[in-house]
Amino acid sequence: MALPIYEMMINPEETSDVEVSFVALVDKPAIERNFMMFKSQTLNFAIDADKRIISGPAMVADVPIYRKDQGGEYNVFFSAATIKEIALKFAKKGYAKNLNLFHDPTMPADGVTIFNSFVSDKAIGVLPMAGFEDLPDGSWFISAKVESDAIWQRIKAGEFKGFSVEGNFSFKKTGMENENPHLIESSIMQDIKTLLSTLKAALFSADAPPPPAAAPAPVAAEAVKAKLKDGTEVSVSELVIGGTVMIGEAPAPAGEHELEDGTKITVGEGGVITAVTPGVAVAAPPADYTKEFAAVNEKFAGYEQRFAAYETKFQEQAQAIAKAQAINEQLFTIVQKLAEAPTADPASGSGGNFNSQYSEDKAERLRNIQASLNKLKTA
């Protein structure tokens, strides 16, 4: 069965992390992680025992690399142009000492440094390394100096036999009219989680066992159930390019499929999604707020009753204020009388005879004031 072929790419901008960031020393070809690590195939590096130098291809142009994951089986390759971008960016960002063992971030290859790097280009006279003359033009070759005694002994023992690159990549399917590069974020995030888990165990647990040479395969995301417009039930791993569509236990047939909500999915070989066109959202019917409006009207009716009661109280208070004003006026009259009343009764007499007579009896005046006060109390 013919397998689909995807071209792998990077972002040449230095600020982007879509790149080759590490080279690993590995023992044999193997597939470990989706779109993250590409172990050299059957191309072992050459060893200069006198100078402790290892040399060989890091990447080979236009050679299909078999892959298999939850999306199915397919092949990927790196073009000569992409490999040139990879080698240039690797040098510009100073990754000459970014080496590890078996793609394990907890096992840095300390004491190993890449000092020679070039991409073969026969047009300008840059030929492949000796011993690899049959490799296609545009392949990337590197040489590394090994100063670590321990790693050198493992190389001599045949434990490490070749180079292997790792990093983040985007890809596009060849032979398609709509070739939009995209990043496989789910796979990358799964790899990051695996690496963090391994680092945490190594750094914070004194009794933790050594990390395995190969990271476990990423766990596929739980599929989401959906229906096509014709009522067929399908399972979608992720509704993005690179996700998969299954009908029962079999991949959905290649072609365009439409979901109930109008979303159109273009599916390639193995049920892999190659394009997604969101459907036009159907306007929802207007909501019925009859009950809410009735509740609001009921509240307003209650407020009107309260306002009526407040208005009655305000009228009563206005009457009380008017009554108090009348009482105050009477009080002012009484106080004025008290102020005008003499503190002593006037006396009159003739000659040596003393004769006193009250113009108004004092007790009588007090009785009159008391009577006025009593009126205020009953007012």
Protein backbone atom coordinates (compact mmCIF):
# COMPACT_ATOMS: atom_id res chain seq x y z
CA MET A 1 0.00 0.00 0.00
CA ALA A 2 1.34 3.38 -1.00
CA LEU A 3 1.96 5.60 2.02
CA PRO A 4 1.48 9.38 2.07
CA ILE A 5 4.66 11.44 2.15
CA TYR A 6 5.15 14.60 4.21
CA GLU A 7 7.95 17.13 3.81
CA MET A 8 9.50 18.23 7.13
CA MET A 9 10.42 21.89 7.61
CA ILE A 10 11.65 24.39 10.21
CA ASN A 11 11.20 28.11 10.73
CA PRO A 12 14.49 29.83 9.77
CA GLU A 13 13.80 32.82 12.05
CA GLU A 14 16.14 32.77 15.06
CA THR A 15 13.33 33.72 17.45
CA SER A 16 11.36 30.59 16.57
CA ASP A 17 11.85 27.23 18.33
CA VAL A 18 10.76 25.26 15.26
CA GLU A 19 14.28 24.00 14.62
CA VAL A 20 16.87 21.29 15.22
CA SER A 21 18.20 22.09 18.69
CA PHE A 22 20.15 18.94 19.66
CA VAL A 23 22.21 16.15 18.16
CA ALA A 24 22.26 12.81 19.99
CA LEU A 25 24.70 9.93 19.95
CA VAL A 26 22.66 6.77 19.33
CA ASP A 27 23.23 3.07 18.87
CA LYS A 28 20.75 2.01 16.18
CA PRO A 29 17.84 3.28 14.11
CA ALA A 30 14.53 3.49 15.97
CA ILE A 31 11.39 5.59 16.01
CA GLU A 32 10.91 7.15 19.42
CA ARG A 33 8.76 10.25 19.17
CA ASN A 34 6.44 11.74 16.64
CA PHE A 35 8.11 14.56 14.69
CA MET A 36 10.75 15.12 17.34
CA MET A 37 13.65 12.73 16.89
CA PHE A 38 15.09 11.21 13.73
CA LYS A 39 17.80 8.68 14.42
CA SER A 40 20.34 8.15 11.71
CA GLN A 41 19.35 5.17 9.64
CA THR A 42 22.12 2.75 8.70
CA LEU A 43 24.74 5.53 8.43
CA ASN A 44 27.31 5.10 11.19
CA PHE A 45 29.89 7.79 11.84
CA ALA A 46 33.57 7.29 11.12
CA ILE A 47 36.01 7.23 14.06
CA ASP A 48 39.46 8.79 14.16
CA ALA A 49 40.91 6.99 17.19
CA ASP A 50 44.15 8.99 17.26
CA LYS A 51 42.39 12.37 17.44
CA ARG A 52 39.20 11.23 19.22
CA ILE A 53 37.03 12.66 16.43
CA ILE A 54 33.78 11.19 15.14
CA SER A 55 32.49 12.28 11.72
CA GLY A 56 29.45 11.45 9.64
CA PRO A 57 26.06 12.55 8.30
CA ALA A 58 23.60 14.21 10.66
CA MET A 59 20.84 14.46 8.03
CA VAL A 60 20.43 12.99 4.54
CA ALA A 61 18.49 14.94 1.90
CA ASP A 62 15.34 13.55 0.23
CA VAL A 63 15.45 10.15 1.91
CA PRO A 64 12.02 8.85 3.10
CA ILE A 65 11.82 8.03 6.82
CA TYR A 66 9.06 5.63 7.86
CA ARG A 67 6.75 6.77 10.68
CA LYS A 68 3.85 5.13 12.49
CA ASP A 69 1.63 6.69 15.17
CA GLN A 70 -2.03 7.15 16.06
CA GLY A 71 -2.49 8.91 12.73
CA GLY A 72 -1.45 5.84 10.76
CA GLU A 73 1.59 4.95 8.65
CA TYR A 74 3.41 7.46 6.45
CA ASN A 75 6.85 8.67 5.35
CA VAL A 76 8.61 11.98 5.95
CA PHE A 77 11.68 13.55 4.37
CA PHE A 78 13.89 16.64 4.57
CA SER A 79 14.65 18.52 1.37
CA ALA A 80 18.14 19.85 0.61
CA ALA A 81 16.86 23.44 1.03
CA THR A 82 15.42 22.67 4.49
CA ILE A 83 18.60 20.90 5.62
CA LYS A 84 20.61 23.95 4.60
CA GLU A 85 18.32 26.14 6.76
CA ILE A 86 18.70 23.69 9.67
CA ALA A 87 22.51 23.67 9.53
CA LEU A 88 22.67 27.48 9.26
CA LYS A 89 20.29 28.10 12.16
CA PHE A 90 22.07 25.46 14.28
CA ALA A 91 25.33 27.37 13.82
CA LYS A 92 23.84 30.87 14.26
CA LYS A 93 22.28 29.92 17.59
CA GLY A 94 25.51 28.41 18.95
CA TYR A 95 24.31 24.83 19.40
CA ALA A 96 27.76 23.26 18.92
CA LYS A 97 27.71 21.82 22.45
CA ASN A 98 24.03 20.73 22.36
CA LEU A 99 24.61 16.98 22.38
CA ASN A 100 23.10 14.24 24.51
CA LEU A 101 22.99 10.46 24.71
CA PHE A 102 20.04 8.51 23.27
CA HIS A 103 17.91 11.70 23.07
CA ASP A 104 17.73 11.77 26.87
CA PRO A 105 17.79 15.38 28.21
CA THR A 106 19.07 14.13 31.57
CA MET A 107 22.14 12.62 29.90
CA PRO A 108 24.09 15.51 28.32
CA ALA A 109 27.14 14.53 26.27
CA ASP A 110 29.52 16.70 28.29
CA GLY A 111 32.98 16.75 26.77
CA VAL A 112 31.74 16.36 23.18
CA THR A 113 31.76 19.43 20.88
CA ILE A 114 30.76 19.84 17.23
CA PHE A 115 33.59 21.75 15.53
CA ASN A 116 32.95 21.01 11.87
CA SER A 117 29.62 21.36 10.07
CA PHE A 118 28.80 21.63 6.36
CA VAL A 119 26.14 20.82 3.78
CA SER A 120 27.37 19.09 0.63
CA ASP A 121 26.94 21.16 -2.52
CA LYS A 122 28.71 19.87 -5.60
CA ALA A 123 27.85 23.05 -7.52
CA ILE A 124 30.36 24.98 -5.41
CA GLY A 125 32.78 22.11 -4.86
CA VAL A 126 31.64 21.05 -1.36
CA LEU A 127 31.70 17.26 -1.60
CA PRO A 128 30.39 14.68 0.90
CA MET A 129 32.73 13.29 3.54
CA ALA A 130 35.01 10.46 2.53
CA GLY A 131 33.18 7.20 2.87
CA PHE A 132 29.79 8.83 2.23
CA GLU A 133 30.26 9.88 -1.40
CA ASP A 134 27.04 8.12 -2.43
CA LEU A 135 24.81 10.35 -0.26
CA PRO A 136 22.63 12.86 -2.12
CA ASP A 137 23.63 16.49 -2.56
CA GLY A 138 22.37 18.73 0.24
CA SER A 139 23.12 16.28 3.10
CA TRP A 140 24.44 17.67 6.41
CA PHE A 141 27.77 16.39 7.76
CA ILE A 142 29.32 17.10 11.16
CA SER A 143 32.48 16.23 13.10
CA ALA A 144 32.72 16.25 16.88
CA LYS A 145 35.70 16.22 19.24
CA VAL A 146 35.30 13.75 22.13
CA GLU A 147 37.21 14.82 25.24
CA SER A 148 35.19 12.75 27.69
CA ASP A 149 37.01 9.52 28.54
CA ALA A 150 33.80 7.78 29.57
CA ILE A 151 31.95 8.60 26.34
CA TRP A 152 34.99 7.75 24.25
CA GLN A 153 35.17 4.29 25.82
CA ARG A 154 31.47 3.74 25.04
CA ILE A 155 32.05 4.81 21.42
CA LYS A 156 34.97 2.38 21.11
CA ALA A 157 32.79 -0.36 22.60
CA GLY A 158 30.23 0.23 19.83
CA GLU A 159 27.55 1.59 22.13
CA PHE A 160 27.24 4.74 20.01
CA LYS A 161 27.36 4.37 16.25
CA GLY A 162 25.74 7.41 14.68
CA PHE A 163 24.32 10.90 14.98
CA SER A 164 20.62 11.69 15.39
CA VAL A 165 18.93 15.10 15.30
CA GLU A 166 15.99 16.24 17.41
CA GLY A 167 13.81 19.33 17.52
CA ASN A 168 10.46 20.83 16.62
CA PHE A 169 9.24 20.64 13.02
CA SER A 170 6.35 21.63 10.82
CA PHE A 171 5.29 19.59 7.83
CA LYS A 172 3.16 19.58 4.72
CA LYS A 173 1.75 16.75 2.68
CA THR A 174 3.17 16.52 -0.82
CA GLY A 175 0.95 16.27 -3.86
CA MET A 176 -1.85 18.31 -2.25
CA GLU A 177 -3.30 21.51 -3.69
CA ASN A 178 -3.59 23.12 -0.26
CA GLU A 179 -0.16 22.69 1.27
CA ASN A 180 -0.33 24.61 4.55
CA PRO A 181 2.60 23.85 6.91
CA HIS A 182 1.52 23.28 10.48
CA LEU A 183 3.05 22.29 13.78
CA ILE A 184 2.06 19.05 15.49
CA GLU A 185 1.46 20.73 18.84
CA SER A 186 -0.15 17.74 20.57
CA SER A 187 2.88 15.53 19.95
CA ILE A 188 5.32 18.26 20.97
CA MET A 189 3.41 19.02 24.18
CA GLN A 190 3.36 15.31 25.03
CA ASP A 191 7.12 15.14 24.53
CA ILE A 192 7.62 18.20 26.75
CA LYS A 193 5.50 16.62 29.50
CA THR A 194 7.53 13.42 29.26
CA LEU A 195 10.82 15.32 29.46
CA LEU A 196 9.66 17.39 32.44
CA SER A 197 8.51 14.26 34.26
CA THR A 198 11.89 12.61 33.69
CA LEU A 199 13.79 15.72 34.80
CA LYS A 200 11.67 16.07 37.94
CA ALA A 201 12.33 12.46 38.92
CA ALA A 202 16.07 12.86 38.32
CA LEU A 203 16.47 16.21 40.11
CA PHE A 204 14.15 15.90 43.11
CA SER A 205 14.17 12.21 43.99
CA ALA A 206 17.41 10.84 45.45
CA ASP A 207 16.16 7.25 45.11
CA ALA A 208 14.74 7.65 41.62
CA PRO A 209 15.94 5.01 39.16
CA PRO A 210 17.96 6.16 36.15
CA PRO A 211 15.79 7.38 33.26
CA PRO A 212 15.15 4.90 30.46
CA ALA A 213 17.18 5.13 27.30
CA ALA A 214 14.05 5.69 25.21
CA ALA A 215 11.10 7.84 26.21
CA PRO A 216 7.69 6.13 26.15
CA ALA A 217 5.54 6.70 23.10
CA PRO A 218 3.09 9.59 23.46
CA VAL A 219 -0.39 8.68 24.60
CA ALA A 220 -3.02 9.49 22.03
CA ALA A 221 -5.63 12.04 23.05
CA GLU A 222 -9.10 10.64 23.75
CA ALA A 223 -11.20 10.73 20.59
CA VAL A 224 -14.29 12.92 20.41
CA LYS A 225 -17.51 11.44 19.09
CA ALA A 226 -19.24 13.32 16.28
CA LYS A 227 -21.72 12.79 13.48
CA LEU A 228 -21.49 13.44 9.79
CA LYS A 229 -24.29 15.28 8.03
CA ASP A 230 -25.70 11.95 6.82
CA GLY A 231 -25.86 10.65 10.41
CA THR A 232 -22.75 8.46 10.32
CA GLU A 233 -20.99 8.38 13.70
CA VAL A 234 -17.25 9.10 13.65
CA SER A 235 -14.42 9.47 16.18
CA VAL A 236 -12.12 12.49 15.81
CA SER A 237 -8.82 12.49 17.74
CA GLU A 238 -8.38 16.26 17.23
CA LEU A 239 -10.30 18.56 14.91
CA VAL A 240 -7.08 20.00 13.48
CA ILE A 241 -4.77 19.20 10.60
CA GLY A 242 -2.88 16.04 11.57
CA GLY A 243 -5.77 14.63 13.63
CA THR A 244 -7.46 11.41 12.61
CA VAL A 245 -11.05 10.48 11.75
CA MET A 246 -12.23 6.92 12.38
CA ILE A 247 -15.50 5.20 11.45
CA GLY A 248 -15.75 2.31 13.84
CA GLU A 249 -12.38 0.58 13.86
CA ALA A 250 -11.41 1.74 10.36
CA PRO A 251 -10.00 5.08 9.17
CA ALA A 252 -12.46 7.32 7.36
CA PRO A 253 -12.15 7.10 3.58
CA ALA A 254 -10.09 9.77 1.84
CA GLY A 255 -12.06 12.78 0.64
CA GLU A 256 -14.18 15.58 2.06
CA HIS A 257 -16.63 14.88 4.90
CA GLU A 258 -19.13 17.30 6.43
CA LEU A 259 -20.15 17.26 10.11
CA GLU A 260 -23.62 18.09 11.39
CA ASP A 261 -22.61 21.66 12.27
CA GLY A 262 -21.40 22.29 8.72
CA THR A 263 -17.68 21.83 9.45
CA LYS A 264 -15.95 20.29 6.44
CA ILE A 265 -13.00 17.93 6.95
CA THR A 266 -10.66 16.82 4.18
CA VAL A 267 -9.24 13.38 5.00
CA GLY A 268 -6.20 11.75 3.40
CA GLU A 269 -4.74 8.26 3.63
CA GLY A 270 -5.15 6.54 6.99
CA GLY A 271 -7.93 8.96 8.04
CA VAL A 272 -5.42 11.79 8.62
CA ILE A 273 -7.03 15.27 8.48
CA THR A 274 -5.37 17.48 5.88
CA ALA A 275 -7.75 20.46 5.96
CA VAL A 276 -10.54 21.80 8.20
CA THR A 277 -13.14 24.38 7.13
CA PRO A 278 -15.33 25.60 10.03
CA GLY A 279 -19.05 25.51 9.32
CA VAL A 280 -21.30 28.57 9.32
CA ALA A 281 -22.85 28.86 12.75
CA VAL A 282 -26.65 28.53 12.72
CA ALA A 283 -28.34 31.35 14.58
CA ALA A 284 -30.03 30.10 17.71
CA PRO A 285 -33.77 30.84 18.11
CA PRO A 286 -34.55 33.87 20.29
CA ALA A 287 -34.73 33.02 23.95
CA ASP A 288 -38.10 33.08 25.74
CA TYR A 289 -37.92 35.52 28.65
CA THR A 290 -41.65 35.46 29.52
CA LYS A 291 -41.06 34.09 33.01
CA GLU A 292 -38.23 36.54 33.66
CA PHE A 293 -40.36 39.51 32.57
CA ALA A 294 -43.27 38.31 34.77
CA ALA A 295 -40.93 38.13 37.76
CA VAL A 296 -39.67 41.66 37.03
CA ASN A 297 -43.24 43.01 36.77
CA GLU A 298 -44.08 41.36 40.09
CA LYS A 299 -41.12 43.07 41.70
CA PHE A 300 -42.16 46.45 40.27
CA ALA A 301 -45.69 45.95 41.68
CA GLY A 302 -44.13 45.38 45.10
CA TYR A 303 -42.04 48.51 44.71
CA GLU A 304 -45.15 50.56 43.83
CA GLN A 305 -46.84 49.37 47.03
CA ARG A 306 -43.81 50.38 49.04
CA PHE A 307 -43.68 53.79 47.38
CA ALA A 308 -47.38 54.35 48.20
CA ALA A 309 -46.71 53.48 51.85
CA TYR A 310 -43.73 55.86 51.88
CA GLU A 311 -45.89 58.63 50.40
CA THR A 312 -48.46 58.16 53.21
CA LYS A 313 -45.67 58.38 55.79
CA PHE A 314 -44.32 61.51 54.16
CA GLN A 315 -47.76 63.14 54.36
CA GLU A 316 -48.08 62.19 58.05
CA GLN A 317 -44.63 63.60 58.71
CA ALA A 318 -45.56 66.84 56.90
CA GLN A 319 -48.64 67.19 59.11
CA ALA A 320 -46.53 66.53 62.21
CA ILE A 321 -44.04 69.17 61.10
CA ALA A 322 -46.85 71.73 60.60
CA LYS A 323 -48.22 70.92 64.07
CA ALA A 324 -44.75 71.31 65.57
CA GLN A 325 -44.38 74.69 63.89
CA ALA A 326 -47.67 75.86 65.51
CA ILE A 327 -46.46 74.65 68.90
CA ASN A 328 -43.17 76.47 68.41
CA GLU A 329 -45.01 79.69 67.68
CA GLN A 330 -46.97 79.34 70.94
CA LEU A 331 -43.74 78.59 72.79
CA PHE A 332 -42.20 81.75 71.36
CA THR A 333 -45.25 83.69 72.64
CA ILE A 334 -44.89 82.25 76.15
CA VAL A 335 -41.15 82.92 76.20
CA GLN A 336 -41.81 86.47 75.08
CA LYS A 337 -44.30 86.96 77.95
CA LEU A 338 -41.75 85.59 80.40
CA ALA A 339 -39.15 87.96 79.04
CA GLU A 340 -41.48 90.96 79.37
CA ALA A 341 -42.69 90.10 82.93
CA PRO A 342 -40.95 92.24 85.61
CA THR A 343 -38.69 90.47 88.08
CA ALA A 344 -40.25 92.49 91.00
CA ASP A 345 -43.68 94.14 91.50
CA PRO A 346 -43.71 97.94 91.24
CA ALA A 347 -44.24 99.75 94.57
CA SER A 348 -45.93 103.14 95.15
CA GLY A 349 -46.36 105.26 98.30
CA SER A 350 -46.99 108.86 99.60
CA GLY A 351 -45.26 110.66 102.34
CA GLY A 352 -43.96 108.47 105.08
CA ASN A 353 -46.71 105.92 104.69
CA PHE A 354 -45.67 102.76 102.78
CA ASN A 355 -48.50 101.37 100.69
CA SER A 356 -47.96 98.41 98.27
CA GLN A 357 -50.45 97.20 95.70
CA TYR A 358 -49.83 94.40 92.92
CA SER A 359 -50.93 95.40 89.42
CA GLU A 360 -51.26 91.67 88.78
CA ASP A 361 -50.94 88.97 91.34
CA LYS A 362 -47.67 86.96 90.70
CA ALA A 363 -49.33 83.62 91.38
CA GLU A 364 -51.96 84.50 88.83
CA ARG A 365 -49.31 85.05 86.13
CA LEU A 366 -47.77 81.67 86.86
CA ARG A 367 -51.14 80.01 86.58
CA ASN A 368 -51.68 81.63 83.16
CA ILE A 369 -48.29 80.33 81.88
CA GLN A 370 -49.05 76.86 83.27
CA ALA A 371 -52.35 76.87 81.45
CA SER A 372 -50.63 77.75 78.16
CA LEU A 373 -48.13 74.94 78.60
CA ASN A 374 -50.97 72.49 79.32
CA LYS A 375 -52.57 73.53 76.03
CA LEU A 376 -49.33 72.71 74.21
CA LYS A 377 -49.28 69.24 75.74
CA THR A 378 -52.78 68.48 74.52
CA ALA A 379 -52.31 70.12 71.12
